[in-house]
Amino acid sequence: MALSGCADGRGNGENCNLAPAIGTGQAEDIATSPDTQWFAQTGTGGAYTNAGRPARWVAWEERDGVRVRVLYEPASGKIVTAFPDSNPTPPTLKPIKK
């Protein structure tokens, strides 16, 4: 599981897009858990959209009492971002079948 790099070139495994309250370990736990329910944010559940762009999957999971949203790009295996999000899962998103 790779994390997106930082624009300032830190490149030490820190993900610059992660909110301070969410550690990279929590985001990686969610992204790698077989129990995580992913939803297609772009595309239809595959690694790429019909237009050939990398698809993006989104999941909401609770860790340490905080509901976390994780945005994942399956084509690259990278977590795009993760942050606290107490909003309900949008009903328009389609679940990805395992």
Protein backbone atom coordinates (compact mmCIF):
# COMPACT_ATOMS: atom_id res chain seq x y z
CA MET A 1 0.00 0.00 0.00
CA ALA A 2 1.67 3.21 -1.13
CA LEU A 3 0.84 6.68 0.06
CA SER A 4 0.80 9.72 -2.19
CA GLY A 5 3.98 11.78 -2.09
CA CYS A 6 4.37 15.29 -0.72
CA ALA A 7 4.85 18.32 -2.94
CA ASP A 8 7.70 19.54 -0.73
CA GLY A 9 9.63 16.33 -1.40
CA ARG A 10 9.54 14.93 2.13
CA GLY A 11 9.00 11.44 0.74
CA ASN A 12 9.47 9.78 4.12
CA GLY A 13 6.17 7.92 4.12
CA GLU A 14 4.12 10.83 5.39
CA ASN A 15 1.04 11.63 3.38
CA CYS A 16 0.64 15.39 3.13
CA ASN A 17 -3.06 15.02 2.35
CA LEU A 18 -3.94 13.34 5.64
CA ALA A 19 -5.62 15.49 8.28
CA PRO A 20 -3.55 15.71 11.47
CA ALA A 21 -6.15 13.71 13.46
CA ILE A 22 -5.81 10.74 11.09
CA GLY A 23 -2.56 8.82 11.10
CA THR A 24 -1.26 7.03 8.04
CA GLY A 25 -1.56 3.76 9.96
CA GLN A 26 -5.31 4.26 10.39
CA ALA A 27 -5.76 5.07 6.71
CA GLU A 28 -3.68 2.04 5.69
CA ASP A 29 -5.65 -0.20 8.08
CA ILE A 30 -8.87 0.88 6.42
CA ALA A 31 -7.46 0.54 2.90
CA THR A 32 -6.09 -2.96 3.49
CA SER A 33 -8.89 -4.40 5.63
CA PRO A 34 -10.88 -7.13 3.87
CA ASP A 35 -13.94 -5.90 5.79
CA THR A 36 -13.87 -2.36 4.34
CA GLN A 37 -16.90 -1.57 2.17
CA TRP A 38 -15.68 0.42 -0.81
CA PHE A 39 -17.87 2.60 -3.02
CA ALA A 40 -17.11 3.74 -6.57
CA GLN A 41 -16.55 7.50 -6.50
CA THR A 42 -15.42 7.46 -10.12
CA GLY A 43 -15.75 4.49 -12.45
CA THR A 44 -17.91 1.44 -11.88
CA GLY A 45 -15.77 -0.62 -9.52
CA GLY A 46 -12.76 -1.50 -11.65
CA ALA A 47 -9.28 0.01 -11.47
CA TYR A 48 -9.99 2.35 -14.40
CA THR A 49 -12.94 4.40 -15.62
CA ASN A 50 -14.45 3.81 -19.05
CA ALA A 51 -12.40 6.79 -20.24
CA GLY A 52 -9.21 5.02 -19.16
CA ARG A 53 -8.48 7.23 -16.15
CA PRO A 54 -7.61 5.72 -12.76
CA ALA A 55 -10.82 5.11 -10.80
CA ARG A 56 -11.25 6.32 -7.25
CA TRP A 57 -12.88 4.33 -4.48
CA VAL A 58 -14.12 5.78 -1.20
CA ALA A 59 -14.86 4.17 2.17
CA TRP A 60 -16.06 5.35 5.57
CA GLU A 61 -14.86 3.45 8.65
CA GLU A 62 -14.61 4.25 12.34
CA ARG A 63 -11.20 4.18 14.00
CA ASP A 64 -10.55 5.19 17.61
CA GLY A 65 -14.02 6.72 17.83
CA VAL A 66 -13.54 8.86 14.70
CA ARG A 67 -15.42 8.22 11.45
CA VAL A 68 -12.80 8.42 8.70
CA ARG A 69 -13.24 8.80 4.94
CA VAL A 70 -10.50 7.22 2.82
CA LEU A 71 -10.12 7.91 -0.89
CA TYR A 72 -8.16 5.17 -2.65
CA GLU A 73 -6.88 4.76 -6.21
CA PRO A 74 -6.82 1.02 -6.99
CA ALA A 75 -4.85 1.37 -10.24
CA SER A 76 -1.87 2.86 -8.43
CA GLY A 77 -2.49 1.27 -5.03
CA LYS A 78 -2.26 4.71 -3.40
CA ILE A 79 -4.33 6.35 -0.72
CA VAL A 80 -5.24 9.73 -2.18
CA THR A 81 -6.47 11.25 1.07
CA ALA A 82 -8.07 10.41 4.40
CA PHE A 83 -9.80 12.68 6.87
CA PRO A 84 -12.46 12.75 9.60
CA ASP A 85 -15.94 12.84 8.06
CA SER A 86 -19.08 12.39 10.14
CA ASN A 87 -21.41 12.89 7.16
CA PRO A 88 -23.52 9.89 6.10
CA THR A 89 -22.46 7.81 3.12
CA PRO A 90 -24.12 9.34 0.03
CA PRO A 91 -26.90 7.00 -1.17
CA THR A 92 -25.94 7.65 -4.81
CA LEU A 93 -22.61 5.83 -4.49
CA LYS A 94 -22.55 2.24 -5.71
CA PRO A 95 -20.91 -0.39 -3.49
CA ILE A 96 -18.02 -2.29 -4.99
CA LYS A 97 -18.56 -6.03 -4.89
CA LYS A 98 -15.74 -8.07 -3.41
